[in-house]
Amino acid sequence: MSSPQPIADNTQESLDVCMRALSVIFQPGEIVWITEAVYEDNGPTWRVTLLCPGERGGWACRRYHYDIPSGTLYFAGATPVGEDELAAVRRSGRRL
């Protein structure tokens, strides 16, 4: 008799797909921190916020929405980030 295989968590699977889609946006080795990843079941979507090098130097907070049913990643805007916020994210954030 074989033991039952664990059923994969669809929410975790969709987050993994979202993170792979985000990772191709950046150059290999580029420093990017994940500051927020929130699942919203009304879409269903993932709302993800990243801290990464800005387009004009410095650092920026970029927001993305990943639509799970369509597998589409949407850019939702960016704002510059100061040194204090950068330091806080470096201490507590996780890398993409």
Protein backbone atom coordinates (compact mmCIF):
# COMPACT_ATOMS: atom_id res chain seq x y z
CA MET A 1 0.00 0.00 0.00
CA SER A 2 1.46 3.34 -0.99
CA SER A 3 1.25 6.39 1.18
CA PRO A 4 -0.72 9.36 -0.17
CA GLN A 5 1.32 12.06 -1.82
CA PRO A 6 1.02 15.55 -0.34
CA ILE A 7 -1.20 17.88 -2.33
CA ALA A 8 0.63 21.01 -3.45
CA ASP A 9 -0.72 24.29 -2.15
CA ASN A 10 -2.15 26.12 -5.18
CA THR A 11 -1.51 29.46 -3.51
CA GLN A 12 2.18 28.65 -3.02
CA GLU A 13 2.43 27.32 -6.57
CA SER A 14 0.98 30.53 -7.99
CA LEU A 15 3.40 32.58 -5.87
CA ASP A 16 6.31 30.54 -7.21
CA VAL A 17 5.13 31.20 -10.79
CA CYS A 18 4.76 34.90 -9.97
CA MET A 19 8.30 35.06 -8.55
CA ARG A 20 9.71 33.36 -11.66
CA ALA A 21 7.90 35.91 -13.84
CA LEU A 22 9.34 38.75 -11.74
CA SER A 23 12.86 37.33 -11.80
CA VAL A 24 13.16 37.57 -15.60
CA ILE A 25 12.56 41.34 -15.44
CA PHE A 26 15.89 41.93 -13.71
CA GLN A 27 19.47 41.22 -14.74
CA PRO A 28 21.11 38.11 -13.27
CA GLY A 29 22.73 39.04 -9.97
CA GLU A 30 20.85 42.34 -9.69
CA ILE A 31 19.96 43.10 -6.09
CA VAL A 32 16.17 43.06 -5.60
CA TRP A 33 14.30 42.71 -2.31
CA ILE A 34 10.74 41.50 -1.86
CA THR A 35 9.08 43.83 0.63
CA GLU A 36 5.53 42.52 0.29
CA ALA A 37 3.69 39.62 -1.32
CA VAL A 38 -0.04 39.59 -0.62
CA TYR A 39 -2.53 37.07 -2.01
CA GLU A 40 -5.92 38.54 -2.93
CA ASP A 41 -8.55 35.91 -3.62
CA ASN A 42 -10.96 38.35 -5.24
CA GLY A 43 -8.94 38.14 -8.48
CA PRO A 44 -7.28 35.88 -7.67
CA THR A 45 -4.04 37.86 -7.80
CA TRP A 46 -0.74 38.36 -6.04
CA ARG A 47 0.19 41.94 -5.15
CA VAL A 48 3.98 42.15 -4.89
CA THR A 49 6.20 45.08 -3.93
CA LEU A 50 9.91 45.04 -4.70
CA LEU A 51 12.79 47.31 -3.79
CA CYS A 52 15.30 47.55 -6.62
CA PRO A 53 17.73 49.91 -8.35
CA GLY A 54 15.86 52.89 -9.79
CA GLU A 55 15.80 53.85 -13.45
CA ARG A 56 17.68 57.11 -12.77
CA GLY A 57 19.97 55.96 -10.00
CA GLY A 58 19.12 55.48 -6.38
CA TRP A 59 16.51 52.93 -5.31
CA ALA A 60 12.85 52.49 -6.15
CA CYS A 61 9.85 50.66 -4.79
CA ARG A 62 8.10 48.87 -7.69
CA ARG A 63 4.62 47.42 -7.42
CA TYR A 64 3.32 44.52 -9.51
CA HIS A 65 0.09 42.55 -9.75
CA TYR A 66 0.16 38.96 -10.95
CA ASP A 67 -3.19 37.77 -12.34
CA ILE A 68 -3.26 34.04 -11.58
CA PRO A 69 -5.95 32.84 -14.04
CA SER A 70 -4.36 34.57 -17.04
CA GLY A 71 -0.74 34.21 -15.86
CA THR A 72 -0.18 37.90 -16.56
CA LEU A 73 2.18 40.17 -14.65
CA TYR A 74 1.20 43.84 -14.52
CA PHE A 75 3.47 46.74 -13.55
CA ALA A 76 1.57 49.00 -11.13
CA GLY A 77 4.01 51.87 -10.64
CA ALA A 78 7.21 52.89 -8.89
CA THR A 79 8.27 55.45 -6.32
CA PRO A 80 11.75 56.52 -5.23
CA VAL A 81 12.98 55.24 -1.87
CA GLY A 82 15.21 57.04 0.61
CA GLU A 83 18.24 55.65 2.40
CA ASP A 84 16.33 55.02 5.66
CA GLU A 85 13.76 52.78 3.96
CA LEU A 86 16.51 51.05 1.98
CA ALA A 87 18.39 50.24 5.19
CA ALA A 88 15.23 48.86 6.83
CA VAL A 89 14.45 46.62 3.86
CA ARG A 90 18.02 45.34 3.72
CA ARG A 91 17.69 44.22 7.35
CA SER A 92 14.27 42.61 7.10
CA GLY A 93 13.45 41.89 3.44
CA ARG A 94 14.18 38.79 1.45
CA ARG A 95 15.91 38.71 -1.91
CA LEU A 96 14.18 37.83 -5.15
